[in-house]
Amino acid sequence: AMGWFRQAPGKEREFVAAVLWSGSSTRYA
């Protein structure tokens, strides 16, 4: 899987989105 996370100054790194490499299933915050 590949995922995207983001982190603002002073904040925890948070999940944004992910996609499974086999097929194209996705999930989002």
mmCIF file of all heavy atoms, coordinates in Angstrom:
data_MODEL
# 
_entry.id   MODEL 
# 
loop_
_atom_site.group_PDB 
_atom_site.id 
_atom_site.type_symbol 
_atom_site.label_atom_id 
_atom_site.label_alt_id 
_atom_site.label_comp_id 
_atom_site.label_asym_id 
_atom_site.label_entity_id 
_atom_site.label_seq_id 
_atom_site.pdbx_PDB_ins_code 
_atom_site.Cartn_x 
_atom_site.Cartn_y 
_atom_site.Cartn_z 
_atom_site.occupancy 
_atom_site.B_iso_or_equiv 
_atom_site.pdbx_formal_charge 
_atom_site.auth_seq_id 
_atom_site.auth_comp_id 
_atom_site.auth_asym_id 
_atom_site.auth_atom_id 
_atom_site.pdbx_PDB_model_num 
ATOM 1   N N   . ALA A 1 1  ? 0.833   -1.182 0.000  1.00 0.00 ? 1  ALA A N   1 
ATOM 2   C CA  . ALA A 1 1  ? 0.000   0.000  0.000  1.00 0.00 ? 1  ALA A CA  1 
ATOM 3   C C   . ALA A 1 1  ? 0.873   1.240  0.000  1.00 0.00 ? 1  ALA A C   1 
ATOM 4   O O   . ALA A 1 1  ? 2.013   1.226  0.482  1.00 0.00 ? 1  ALA A O   1 
ATOM 5   C CB  . ALA A 1 1  ? -0.927  0.018  1.218  1.00 0.00 ? 1  ALA A CB  1 
ATOM 6   N N   . MET A 1 2  ? 0.325   2.297  -0.540 1.00 0.00 ? 2  MET A N   1 
ATOM 7   C CA  . MET A 1 2  ? 0.958   3.602  -0.474 1.00 0.00 ? 2  MET A CA  1 
ATOM 8   C C   . MET A 1 2  ? 0.001   4.534  0.245  1.00 0.00 ? 2  MET A C   1 
ATOM 9   O O   . MET A 1 2  ? -1.209  4.468  0.041  1.00 0.00 ? 2  MET A O   1 
ATOM 10  C CB  . MET A 1 2  ? 1.263   4.137  -1.861 1.00 0.00 ? 2  MET A CB  1 
ATOM 11  C CG  . MET A 1 2  ? 2.257   3.296  -2.643 1.00 0.00 ? 2  MET A CG  1 
ATOM 12  S SD  . MET A 1 2  ? 3.973   3.620  -2.138 1.00 0.00 ? 2  MET A SD  1 
ATOM 13  C CE  . MET A 1 2  ? 4.305   5.103  -3.091 1.00 0.00 ? 2  MET A CE  1 
ATOM 14  N N   . GLY A 1 3  ? 0.557   5.369  1.062  1.00 0.00 ? 3  GLY A N   1 
ATOM 15  C CA  . GLY A 1 3  ? -0.271  6.284  1.826  1.00 0.00 ? 3  GLY A CA  1 
ATOM 16  C C   . GLY A 1 3  ? 0.274   7.695  1.825  1.00 0.00 ? 3  GLY A C   1 
ATOM 17  O O   . GLY A 1 3  ? 1.447   7.928  1.533  1.00 0.00 ? 3  GLY A O   1 
ATOM 18  N N   . TRP A 1 4  ? -0.608  8.602  2.129  1.00 0.00 ? 4  TRP A N   1 
ATOM 19  C CA  . TRP A 1 4  ? -0.240  9.998  2.306  1.00 0.00 ? 4  TRP A CA  1 
ATOM 20  C C   . TRP A 1 4  ? -0.593  10.425 3.723  1.00 0.00 ? 4  TRP A C   1 
ATOM 21  O O   . TRP A 1 4  ? -1.698  10.151 4.211  1.00 0.00 ? 4  TRP A O   1 
ATOM 22  C CB  . TRP A 1 4  ? -0.958  10.905 1.311  1.00 0.00 ? 4  TRP A CB  1 
ATOM 23  C CG  . TRP A 1 4  ? -0.453  10.800 -0.092 1.00 0.00 ? 4  TRP A CG  1 
ATOM 24  C CD1 . TRP A 1 4  ? -0.960  10.036 -1.094 1.00 0.00 ? 4  TRP A CD1 1 
ATOM 25  C CD2 . TRP A 1 4  ? 0.661   11.498 -0.648 1.00 0.00 ? 4  TRP A CD2 1 
ATOM 26  N NE1 . TRP A 1 4  ? -0.234  10.209 -2.247 1.00 0.00 ? 4  TRP A NE1 1 
ATOM 27  C CE2 . TRP A 1 4  ? 0.770   11.107 -1.996 1.00 0.00 ? 4  TRP A CE2 1 
ATOM 28  C CE3 . TRP A 1 4  ? 1.576   12.424 -0.145 1.00 0.00 ? 4  TRP A CE3 1 
ATOM 29  C CZ2 . TRP A 1 4  ? 1.755   11.603 -2.849 1.00 0.00 ? 4  TRP A CZ2 1 
ATOM 30  C CZ3 . TRP A 1 4  ? 2.560   12.914 -0.984 1.00 0.00 ? 4  TRP A CZ3 1 
ATOM 31  C CH2 . TRP A 1 4  ? 2.641   12.500 -2.320 1.00 0.00 ? 4  TRP A CH2 1 
ATOM 32  N N   . PHE A 1 5  ? 0.342   11.087 4.363  1.00 0.00 ? 5  PHE A N   1 
ATOM 33  C CA  . PHE A 1 5  ? 0.149   11.671 5.673  1.00 0.00 ? 5  PHE A CA  1 
ATOM 34  C C   . PHE A 1 5  ? 0.517   13.140 5.596  1.00 0.00 ? 5  PHE A C   1 
ATOM 35  O O   . PHE A 1 5  ? 1.194   13.576 4.669  1.00 0.00 ? 5  PHE A O   1 
ATOM 36  C CB  . PHE A 1 5  ? 1.015   10.971 6.721  1.00 0.00 ? 5  PHE A CB  1 
ATOM 37  C CG  . PHE A 1 5  ? 0.586   9.569  7.041  1.00 0.00 ? 5  PHE A CG  1 
ATOM 38  C CD1 . PHE A 1 5  ? 0.821   8.535  6.149  1.00 0.00 ? 5  PHE A CD1 1 
ATOM 39  C CD2 . PHE A 1 5  ? -0.043  9.286  8.238  1.00 0.00 ? 5  PHE A CD2 1 
ATOM 40  C CE1 . PHE A 1 5  ? 0.434   7.241  6.437  1.00 0.00 ? 5  PHE A CE1 1 
ATOM 41  C CE2 . PHE A 1 5  ? -0.433  7.990  8.549  1.00 0.00 ? 5  PHE A CE2 1 
ATOM 42  C CZ  . PHE A 1 5  ? -0.197  6.969  7.648  1.00 0.00 ? 5  PHE A CZ  1 
ATOM 43  N N   . ARG A 1 6  ? 0.091   13.889 6.579  1.00 0.00 ? 6  ARG A N   1 
ATOM 44  C CA  . ARG A 1 6  ? 0.462   15.295 6.622  1.00 0.00 ? 6  ARG A CA  1 
ATOM 45  C C   . ARG A 1 6  ? 0.717   15.712 8.062  1.00 0.00 ? 6  ARG A C   1 
ATOM 46  O O   . ARG A 1 6  ? 0.177   15.148 9.003  1.00 0.00 ? 6  ARG A O   1 
ATOM 47  C CB  . ARG A 1 6  ? -0.606  16.188 5.992  1.00 0.00 ? 6  ARG A CB  1 
ATOM 48  C CG  . ARG A 1 6  ? -1.924  16.230 6.744  1.00 0.00 ? 6  ARG A CG  1 
ATOM 49  C CD  . ARG A 1 6  ? -2.959  17.026 5.942  1.00 0.00 ? 6  ARG A CD  1 
ATOM 50  N NE  . ARG A 1 6  ? -4.216  17.154 6.659  1.00 0.00 ? 6  ARG A NE  1 
ATOM 51  C CZ  . ARG A 1 6  ? -5.307  17.709 6.144  1.00 0.00 ? 6  ARG A CZ  1 
ATOM 52  N NH1 . ARG A 1 6  ? -5.288  18.187 4.900  1.00 0.00 ? 6  ARG A NH1 1 
ATOM 53  N NH2 . ARG A 1 6  ? -6.411  17.788 6.875  1.00 0.00 ? 6  ARG A NH2 1 
ATOM 54  N N   . GLN A 1 7  ? 1.552   16.726 8.199  1.00 0.00 ? 7  GLN A N   1 
ATOM 55  C CA  . GLN A 1 7  ? 1.898   17.212 9.520  1.00 0.00 ? 7  GLN A CA  1 
ATOM 56  C C   . GLN A 1 7  ? 2.036   18.725 9.491  1.00 0.00 ? 7  GLN A C   1 
ATOM 57  O O   . GLN A 1 7  ? 2.872   19.270 8.776  1.00 0.00 ? 7  GLN A O   1 
ATOM 58  C CB  . GLN A 1 7  ? 3.194   16.576 10.015 1.00 0.00 ? 7  GLN A CB  1 
ATOM 59  C CG  . GLN A 1 7  ? 3.540   16.916 11.443 1.00 0.00 ? 7  GLN A CG  1 
ATOM 60  C CD  . GLN A 1 7  ? 4.667   16.053 11.975 1.00 0.00 ? 7  GLN A CD  1 
ATOM 61  O OE1 . GLN A 1 7  ? 5.458   15.504 11.209 1.00 0.00 ? 7  GLN A OE1 1 
ATOM 62  N NE2 . GLN A 1 7  ? 4.737   15.911 13.282 1.00 0.00 ? 7  GLN A NE2 1 
ATOM 63  N N   . ALA A 1 8  ? 1.211   19.376 10.258 1.00 0.00 ? 8  ALA A N   1 
ATOM 64  C CA  . ALA A 1 8  ? 1.287   20.817 10.418 1.00 0.00 ? 8  ALA A CA  1 
ATOM 65  C C   . ALA A 1 8  ? 2.207   21.133 11.590 1.00 0.00 ? 8  ALA A C   1 
ATOM 66  O O   . ALA A 1 8  ? 2.410   20.299 12.475 1.00 0.00 ? 8  ALA A O   1 
ATOM 67  C CB  . ALA A 1 8  ? -0.106  21.399 10.654 1.00 0.00 ? 8  ALA A CB  1 
ATOM 68  N N   . PRO A 1 9  ? 2.772   22.335 11.627 1.00 0.00 ? 9  PRO A N   1 
ATOM 69  C CA  . PRO A 1 9  ? 3.666   22.698 12.734 1.00 0.00 ? 9  PRO A CA  1 
ATOM 70  C C   . PRO A 1 9  ? 2.992   22.518 14.082 1.00 0.00 ? 9  PRO A C   1 
ATOM 71  O O   . PRO A 1 9  ? 1.867   22.971 14.300 1.00 0.00 ? 9  PRO A O   1 
ATOM 72  C CB  . PRO A 1 9  ? 3.973   24.168 12.460 1.00 0.00 ? 9  PRO A CB  1 
ATOM 73  C CG  . PRO A 1 9  ? 3.831   24.306 10.980 1.00 0.00 ? 9  PRO A CG  1 
ATOM 74  C CD  . PRO A 1 9  ? 2.685   23.403 10.622 1.00 0.00 ? 9  PRO A CD  1 
ATOM 75  N N   . GLY A 1 10 ? 3.675   21.835 14.973 1.00 0.00 ? 10 GLY A N   1 
ATOM 76  C CA  . GLY A 1 10 ? 3.152   21.614 16.309 1.00 0.00 ? 10 GLY A CA  1 
ATOM 77  C C   . GLY A 1 10 ? 2.075   20.557 16.406 1.00 0.00 ? 10 GLY A C   1 
ATOM 78  O O   . GLY A 1 10 ? 1.531   20.347 17.495 1.00 0.00 ? 10 GLY A O   1 
ATOM 79  N N   . LYS A 1 11 ? 1.762   19.908 15.303 1.00 0.00 ? 11 LYS A N   1 
ATOM 80  C CA  . LYS A 1 11 ? 0.714   18.904 15.291 1.00 0.00 ? 11 LYS A CA  1 
ATOM 81  C C   . LYS A 1 11 ? 1.286   17.518 15.040 1.00 0.00 ? 11 LYS A C   1 
ATOM 82  O O   . LYS A 1 11 ? 2.407   17.364 14.559 1.00 0.00 ? 11 LYS A O   1 
ATOM 83  C CB  . LYS A 1 11 ? -0.320  19.227 14.216 1.00 0.00 ? 11 LYS A CB  1 
ATOM 84  C CG  . LYS A 1 11 ? -0.991  20.586 14.365 1.00 0.00 ? 11 LYS A CG  1 
ATOM 85  C CD  . LYS A 1 11 ? -1.931  20.611 15.538 1.00 0.00 ? 11 LYS A CD  1 
ATOM 86  C CE  . LYS A 1 11 ? -2.677  21.938 15.609 1.00 0.00 ? 11 LYS A CE  1 
ATOM 87  N NZ  . LYS A 1 11 ? -3.553  22.140 14.434 1.00 0.00 ? 11 LYS A NZ  1 
ATOM 88  N N   . GLU A 1 12 ? 0.494   16.513 15.361 1.00 0.00 ? 12 GLU A N   1 
ATOM 89  C CA  . GLU A 1 12 ? 0.873   15.142 15.079 1.00 0.00 ? 12 GLU A CA  1 
ATOM 90  C C   . GLU A 1 12 ? 0.706   14.863 13.592 1.00 0.00 ? 12 GLU A C   1 
ATOM 91  O O   . GLU A 1 12 ? -0.127  15.468 12.919 1.00 0.00 ? 12 GLU A O   1 
ATOM 92  C CB  . GLU A 1 12 ? 0.009   14.172 15.888 1.00 0.00 ? 12 GLU A CB  1 
ATOM 93  C CG  . GLU A 1 12 ? 0.179   14.274 17.385 1.00 0.00 ? 12 GLU A CG  1 
ATOM 94  C CD  . GLU A 1 12 ? 1.509   13.732 17.840 1.00 0.00 ? 12 GLU A CD  1 
ATOM 95  O OE1 . GLU A 1 12 ? 2.027   12.801 17.197 1.00 0.00 ? 12 GLU A OE1 1 
ATOM 96  O OE2 . GLU A 1 12 ? 2.042   14.245 18.839 1.00 0.00 ? 12 GLU A OE2 1 
ATOM 97  N N   . ARG A 1 13 ? 1.513   13.935 13.103 1.00 0.00 ? 13 ARG A N   1 
ATOM 98  C CA  . ARG A 1 13 ? 1.360   13.513 11.726 1.00 0.00 ? 13 ARG A CA  1 
ATOM 99  C C   . ARG A 1 13 ? 0.070   12.710 11.595 1.00 0.00 ? 13 ARG A C   1 
ATOM 100 O O   . ARG A 1 13 ? -0.150  11.752 12.343 1.00 0.00 ? 13 ARG A O   1 
ATOM 101 C CB  . ARG A 1 13 ? 2.557   12.673 11.292 1.00 0.00 ? 13 ARG A CB  1 
ATOM 102 C CG  . ARG A 1 13 ? 2.603   12.373 9.813  1.00 0.00 ? 13 ARG A CG  1 
ATOM 103 C CD  . ARG A 1 13 ? 3.924   11.722 9.416  1.00 0.00 ? 13 ARG A CD  1 
ATOM 104 N NE  . ARG A 1 13 ? 5.062   12.581 9.703  1.00 0.00 ? 13 ARG A NE  1 
ATOM 105 C CZ  . ARG A 1 13 ? 6.311   12.306 9.346  1.00 0.00 ? 13 ARG A CZ  1 
ATOM 106 N NH1 . ARG A 1 13 ? 6.584   11.187 8.687  1.00 0.00 ? 13 ARG A NH1 1 
ATOM 107 N NH2 . ARG A 1 13 ? 7.283   13.149 9.659  1.00 0.00 ? 13 ARG A NH2 1 
ATOM 108 N N   . GLU A 1 14 ? -0.773  13.095 10.651 1.00 0.00 ? 14 GLU A N   1 
ATOM 109 C CA  . GLU A 1 14 ? -2.069  12.467 10.526 1.00 0.00 ? 14 GLU A CA  1 
ATOM 110 C C   . GLU A 1 14 ? -2.271  11.815 9.169  1.00 0.00 ? 14 GLU A C   1 
ATOM 111 O O   . GLU A 1 14 ? -1.735  12.257 8.152  1.00 0.00 ? 14 GLU A O   1 
ATOM 112 C CB  . GLU A 1 14 ? -3.191  13.485 10.779 1.00 0.00 ? 14 GLU A CB  1 
ATOM 113 C CG  . GLU A 1 14 ? -3.273  14.593 9.752  1.00 0.00 ? 14 GLU A CG  1 
ATOM 114 C CD  . GLU A 1 14 ? -4.459  15.507 9.972  1.00 0.00 ? 14 GLU A CD  1 
ATOM 115 O OE1 . GLU A 1 14 ? -5.286  15.218 10.861 1.00 0.00 ? 14 GLU A OE1 1 
ATOM 116 O OE2 . GLU A 1 14 ? -4.566  16.524 9.252  1.00 0.00 ? 14 GLU A OE2 1 
ATOM 117 N N   . PHE A 1 15 ? -3.068  10.787 9.181  1.00 0.00 ? 15 PHE A N   1 
ATOM 118 C CA  . PHE A 1 15 ? -3.401  10.053 7.980  1.00 0.00 ? 15 PHE A CA  1 
ATOM 119 C C   . PHE A 1 15 ? -4.260  10.889 7.061  1.00 0.00 ? 15 PHE A C   1 
ATOM 120 O O   . PHE A 1 15 ? -5.168  11.597 7.504  1.00 0.00 ? 15 PHE A O   1 
ATOM 121 C CB  . PHE A 1 15 ? -4.148  8.772  8.364  1.00 0.00 ? 15 PHE A CB  1 
ATOM 122 C CG  . PHE A 1 15 ? -4.739  8.031  7.207  1.00 0.00 ? 15 PHE A CG  1 
ATOM 123 C CD1 . PHE A 1 15 ? -3.945  7.239  6.396  1.00 0.00 ? 15 PHE A CD1 1 
ATOM 124 C CD2 . PHE A 1 15 ? -6.093  8.113  6.935  1.00 0.00 ? 15 PHE A CD2 1 
ATOM 125 C CE1 . PHE A 1 15 ? -4.493  6.546  5.328  1.00 0.00 ? 15 PHE A CE1 1 
ATOM 126 C CE2 . PHE A 1 15 ? -6.654  7.432  5.880  1.00 0.00 ? 15 PHE A CE2 1 
ATOM 127 C CZ  . PHE A 1 15 ? -5.843  6.643  5.071  1.00 0.00 ? 15 PHE A CZ  1 
ATOM 128 N N   . VAL A 1 16 ? -3.972  10.795 5.767  1.00 0.00 ? 16 VAL A N   1 
ATOM 129 C CA  . VAL A 1 16 ? -4.745  11.507 4.769  1.00 0.00 ? 16 VAL A CA  1 
ATOM 130 C C   . VAL A 1 16 ? -5.468  10.542 3.841  1.00 0.00 ? 16 VAL A C   1 
ATOM 131 O O   . VAL A 1 16 ? -6.683  10.620 3.667  1.00 0.00 ? 16 VAL A O   1 
ATOM 132 C CB  . VAL A 1 16 ? -3.862  12.457 3.933  1.00 0.00 ? 16 VAL A CB  1 
ATOM 133 C CG1 . VAL A 1 16 ? -4.671  13.109 2.818  1.00 0.00 ? 16 VAL A CG1 1 
ATOM 134 C CG2 . VAL A 1 16 ? -3.238  13.525 4.831  1.00 0.00 ? 16 VAL A CG2 1 
ATOM 135 N N   . ALA A 1 17 ? -4.714  9.632  3.226  1.00 0.00 ? 17 ALA A N   1 
ATOM 136 C CA  . ALA A 1 17 ? -5.301  8.709  2.264  1.00 0.00 ? 17 ALA A CA  1 
ATOM 137 C C   . ALA A 1 17 ? -4.357  7.541  2.047  1.00 0.00 ? 17 ALA A C   1 
ATOM 138 O O   . ALA A 1 17 ? -3.162  7.640  2.295  1.00 0.00 ? 17 ALA A O   1 
ATOM 139 C CB  . ALA A 1 17 ? -5.586  9.407  0.934  1.00 0.00 ? 17 ALA A CB  1 
ATOM 140 N N   . ALA A 1 18 ? -4.901  6.446  1.550  1.00 0.00 ? 18 ALA A N   1 
ATOM 141 C CA  . ALA A 1 18 ? -4.093  5.284  1.228  1.00 0.00 ? 18 ALA A CA  1 
ATOM 142 C C   . ALA A 1 18 ? -4.718  4.537  0.066  1.00 0.00 ? 18 ALA A C   1 
ATOM 143 O O   . ALA A 1 18 ? -5.936  4.606  -0.148 1.00 0.00 ? 18 ALA A O   1 
ATOM 144 C CB  . ALA A 1 18 ? -3.948  4.352  2.432  1.00 0.00 ? 18 ALA A CB  1 
ATOM 145 N N   . VAL A 1 19 ? -3.892  3.834  -0.677 1.00 0.00 ? 19 VAL A N   1 
ATOM 146 C CA  . VAL A 1 19 ? -4.350  3.022  -1.789 1.00 0.00 ? 19 VAL A CA  1 
ATOM 147 C C   . VAL A 1 19 ? -3.615  1.692  -1.752 1.00 0.00 ? 19 VAL A C   1 
ATOM 148 O O   . VAL A 1 19 ? -2.395  1.652  -1.540 1.00 0.00 ? 19 VAL A O   1 
ATOM 149 C CB  . VAL A 1 19 ? -4.136  3.749  -3.140 1.00 0.00 ? 19 VAL A CB  1 
ATOM 150 C CG1 . VAL A 1 19 ? -2.665  4.091  -3.371 1.00 0.00 ? 19 VAL A CG1 1 
ATOM 151 C CG2 . VAL A 1 19 ? -4.672  2.914  -4.287 1.00 0.00 ? 19 VAL A CG2 1 
ATOM 152 N N   . LEU A 1 20 ? -4.340  0.613  -1.964 1.00 0.00 ? 20 LEU A N   1 
ATOM 153 C CA  . LEU A 1 20 ? -3.712  -0.688 -2.082 1.00 0.00 ? 20 LEU A CA  1 
ATOM 154 C C   . LEU A 1 20 ? -3.082  -0.816 -3.446 1.00 0.00 ? 20 LEU A C   1 
ATOM 155 O O   . LEU A 1 20 ? -3.642  -0.359 -4.445 1.00 0.00 ? 20 LEU A O   1 
ATOM 156 C CB  . LEU A 1 20 ? -4.738  -1.806 -1.872 1.00 0.00 ? 20 LEU A CB  1 
ATOM 157 C CG  . LEU A 1 20 ? -5.415  -1.870 -0.505 1.00 0.00 ? 20 LEU A CG  1 
ATOM 158 C CD1 . LEU A 1 20 ? -6.313  -3.099 -0.428 1.00 0.00 ? 20 LEU A CD1 1 
ATOM 159 C CD2 . LEU A 1 20 ? -4.390  -1.897 0.614  1.00 0.00 ? 20 LEU A CD2 1 
ATOM 160 N N   . TRP A 1 21 ? -1.900  -1.450 -3.491 1.00 0.00 ? 21 TRP A N   1 
ATOM 161 C CA  . TRP A 1 21 ? -1.173  -1.529 -4.744 1.00 0.00 ? 21 TRP A CA  1 
ATOM 162 C C   . TRP A 1 21 ? -1.772  -2.546 -5.697 1.00 0.00 ? 21 TRP A C   1 
ATOM 163 O O   . TRP A 1 21 ? -1.661  -2.393 -6.913 1.00 0.00 ? 21 TRP A O   1 
ATOM 164 C CB  . TRP A 1 21 ? 0.299   -1.853 -4.469 1.00 0.00 ? 21 TRP A CB  1 
ATOM 165 C CG  . TRP A 1 21 ? 1.211   -1.221 -5.461 1.00 0.00 ? 21 TRP A CG  1 
ATOM 166 C CD1 . TRP A 1 21 ? 2.038   -1.849 -6.337 1.00 0.00 ? 21 TRP A CD1 1 
ATOM 167 C CD2 . TRP A 1 21 ? 1.393   0.179  -5.685 1.00 0.00 ? 21 TRP A CD2 1 
ATOM 168 N NE1 . TRP A 1 21 ? 2.713   -0.941 -7.088 1.00 0.00 ? 21 TRP A NE1 1 
ATOM 169 C CE2 . TRP A 1 21 ? 2.352   0.322  -6.715 1.00 0.00 ? 21 TRP A CE2 1 
ATOM 170 C CE3 . TRP A 1 21 ? 0.835   1.328  -5.112 1.00 0.00 ? 21 TRP A CE3 1 
ATOM 171 C CZ2 . TRP A 1 21 ? 2.758   1.564  -7.185 1.00 0.00 ? 21 TRP A CZ2 1 
ATOM 172 C CZ3 . TRP A 1 21 ? 1.244   2.565  -5.584 1.00 0.00 ? 21 TRP A CZ3 1 
ATOM 173 C CH2 . TRP A 1 21 ? 2.193   2.669  -6.603 1.00 0.00 ? 21 TRP A CH2 1 
ATOM 174 N N   . SER A 1 22 ? -2.358  -3.559 -5.172 1.00 0.00 ? 22 SER A N   1 
ATOM 175 C CA  . SER A 1 22 ? -3.056  -4.537 -5.987 1.00 0.00 ? 22 SER A CA  1 
ATOM 176 C C   . SER A 1 22 ? -4.524  -4.141 -6.047 1.00 0.00 ? 22 SER A C   1 
ATOM 177 O O   . SER A 1 22 ? -5.206  -4.107 -5.018 1.00 0.00 ? 22 SER A O   1 
ATOM 178 C CB  . SER A 1 22 ? -2.902  -5.941 -5.401 1.00 0.00 ? 22 SER A CB  1 
ATOM 179 O OG  . SER A 1 22 ? -3.583  -6.895 -6.185 1.00 0.00 ? 22 SER A OG  1 
ATOM 180 N N   . GLY A 1 23 ? -4.985  -3.846 -7.237 1.00 0.00 ? 23 GLY A N   1 
ATOM 181 C CA  . GLY A 1 23 ? -6.313  -3.299 -7.362 1.00 0.00 ? 23 GLY A CA  1 
ATOM 182 C C   . GLY A 1 23 ? -6.242  -1.795 -7.179 1.00 0.00 ? 23 GLY A C   1 
ATOM 183 O O   . GLY A 1 23 ? -5.204  -1.170 -7.423 1.00 0.00 ? 23 GLY A O   1 
ATOM 184 N N   . SER A 1 24 ? -7.339  -1.219 -6.747 1.00 0.00 ? 24 SER A N   1 
ATOM 185 C CA  . SER A 1 24 ? -7.362  0.227  -6.591 1.00 0.00 ? 24 SER A CA  1 
ATOM 186 C C   . SER A 1 24 ? -8.221  0.676  -5.428 1.00 0.00 ? 24 SER A C   1 
ATOM 187 O O   . SER A 1 24 ? -8.797  1.775  -5.463 1.00 0.00 ? 24 SER A O   1 
ATOM 188 C CB  . SER A 1 24 ? -7.855  0.881  -7.889 1.00 0.00 ? 24 SER A CB  1 
ATOM 189 O OG  . SER A 1 24 ? -9.118  0.388  -8.270 1.00 0.00 ? 24 SER A OG  1 
ATOM 190 N N   . SER A 1 25 ? -8.318  -0.132 -4.406 1.00 0.00 ? 25 SER A N   1 
ATOM 191 C CA  . SER A 1 25 ? -9.095  0.245  -3.232 1.00 0.00 ? 25 SER A CA  1 
ATOM 192 C C   . SER A 1 25 ? -8.434  1.421  -2.533 1.00 0.00 ? 25 SER A C   1 
ATOM 193 O O   . SER A 1 25 ? -7.212  1.462  -2.386 1.00 0.00 ? 25 SER A O   1 
ATOM 194 C CB  . SER A 1 25 ? -9.215  -0.933 -2.270 1.00 0.00 ? 25 SER A CB  1 
ATOM 195 O OG  . SER A 1 25 ? -9.941  -1.994 -2.857 1.00 0.00 ? 25 SER A OG  1 
ATOM 196 N N   . THR A 1 26 ? -9.231  2.349  -2.100 1.00 0.00 ? 26 THR A N   1 
ATOM 197 C CA  . THR A 1 26 ? -8.731  3.560  -1.465 1.00 0.00 ? 26 THR A CA  1 
ATOM 198 C C   . THR A 1 26 ? -9.496  3.862  -0.187 1.00 0.00 ? 26 THR A C   1 
ATOM 199 O O   . THR A 1 26 ? -10.629 3.428  -0.005 1.00 0.00 ? 26 THR A O   1 
ATOM 200 C CB  . THR A 1 26 ? -8.841  4.777  -2.398 1.00 0.00 ? 26 THR A CB  1 
ATOM 201 O OG1 . THR A 1 26 ? -10.217 4.987  -2.748 1.00 0.00 ? 26 THR A OG1 1 
ATOM 202 C CG2 . THR A 1 26 ? -8.037  4.557  -3.672 1.00 0.00 ? 26 THR A CG2 1 
ATOM 203 N N   . ARG A 1 27 ? -8.858  4.636  0.683  1.00 0.00 ? 27 ARG A N   1 
ATOM 204 C CA  . ARG A 1 27 ? -9.482  5.112  1.905  1.00 0.00 ? 27 ARG A CA  1 
ATOM 205 C C   . ARG A 1 27 ? -8.998  6.525  2.166  1.00 0.00 ? 27 ARG A C   1 
ATOM 206 O O   . ARG A 1 27 ? -7.873  6.879  1.814  1.00 0.00 ? 27 ARG A O   1 
ATOM 207 C CB  . ARG A 1 27 ? -9.152  4.209  3.100  1.00 0.00 ? 27 ARG A CB  1 
ATOM 208 C CG  . ARG A 1 27 ? -9.776  2.832  3.041  1.00 0.00 ? 27 ARG A CG  1 
ATOM 209 C CD  . ARG A 1 27 ? -11.290 2.883  3.182  1.00 0.00 ? 27 ARG A CD  1 
ATOM 210 N NE  . ARG A 1 27 ? -11.860 1.546  3.284  1.00 0.00 ? 27 ARG A NE  1 
ATOM 211 C CZ  . ARG A 1 27 ? -12.161 0.779  2.233  1.00 0.00 ? 27 ARG A CZ  1 
ATOM 212 N NH1 . ARG A 1 27 ? -11.934 1.212  1.006  1.00 0.00 ? 27 ARG A NH1 1 
ATOM 213 N NH2 . ARG A 1 27 ? -12.685 -0.425 2.440  1.00 0.00 ? 27 ARG A NH2 1 
ATOM 214 N N   . TYR A 1 28 ? -9.857  7.297  2.800  1.00 0.00 ? 28 TYR A N   1 
ATOM 215 C CA  . TYR A 1 28 ? -9.547  8.692  3.066  1.00 0.00 ? 28 TYR A CA  1 
ATOM 216 C C   . TYR A 1 28 ? -9.910  9.074  4.485  1.00 0.00 ? 28 TYR A C   1 
ATOM 217 O O   . TYR A 1 28 ? -10.843 8.525  5.078  1.00 0.00 ? 28 TYR A O   1 
ATOM 218 C CB  . TYR A 1 28 ? -10.322 9.610  2.119  1.00 0.00 ? 28 TYR A CB  1 
ATOM 219 C CG  . TYR A 1 28 ? -10.026 9.387  0.664  1.00 0.00 ? 28 TYR A CG  1 
ATOM 220 C CD1 . TYR A 1 28 ? -10.765 8.486  -0.084 1.00 0.00 ? 28 TYR A CD1 1 
ATOM 221 C CD2 . TYR A 1 28 ? -8.996  10.088 0.041  1.00 0.00 ? 28 TYR A CD2 1 
ATOM 222 C CE1 . TYR A 1 28 ? -10.494 8.274  -1.423 1.00 0.00 ? 28 TYR A CE1 1 
ATOM 223 C CE2 . TYR A 1 28 ? -8.719  9.890  -1.300 1.00 0.00 ? 28 TYR A CE2 1 
ATOM 224 C CZ  . TYR A 1 28 ? -9.468  8.983  -2.024 1.00 0.00 ? 28 TYR A CZ  1 
ATOM 225 O OH  . TYR A 1 28 ? -9.187  8.784  -3.360 1.00 0.00 ? 28 TYR A OH  1 
ATOM 226 N N   . ALA A 1 29 ? -9.170  10.032 4.999  1.00 0.00 ? 29 ALA A N   1 
ATOM 227 C CA  . ALA A 1 29 ? -9.575  10.649 6.238  1.00 0.00 ? 29 ALA A CA  1 
ATOM 228 C C   . ALA A 1 29 ? -10.854 11.432 5.995  1.00 0.00 ? 29 ALA A C   1 
ATOM 229 O O   . ALA A 1 29 ? -11.066 11.988 4.911  1.00 0.00 ? 29 ALA A O   1 
ATOM 230 C CB  . ALA A 1 29 ? -8.475  11.575 6.756  1.00 0.00 ? 29 ALA A CB  1 
# 
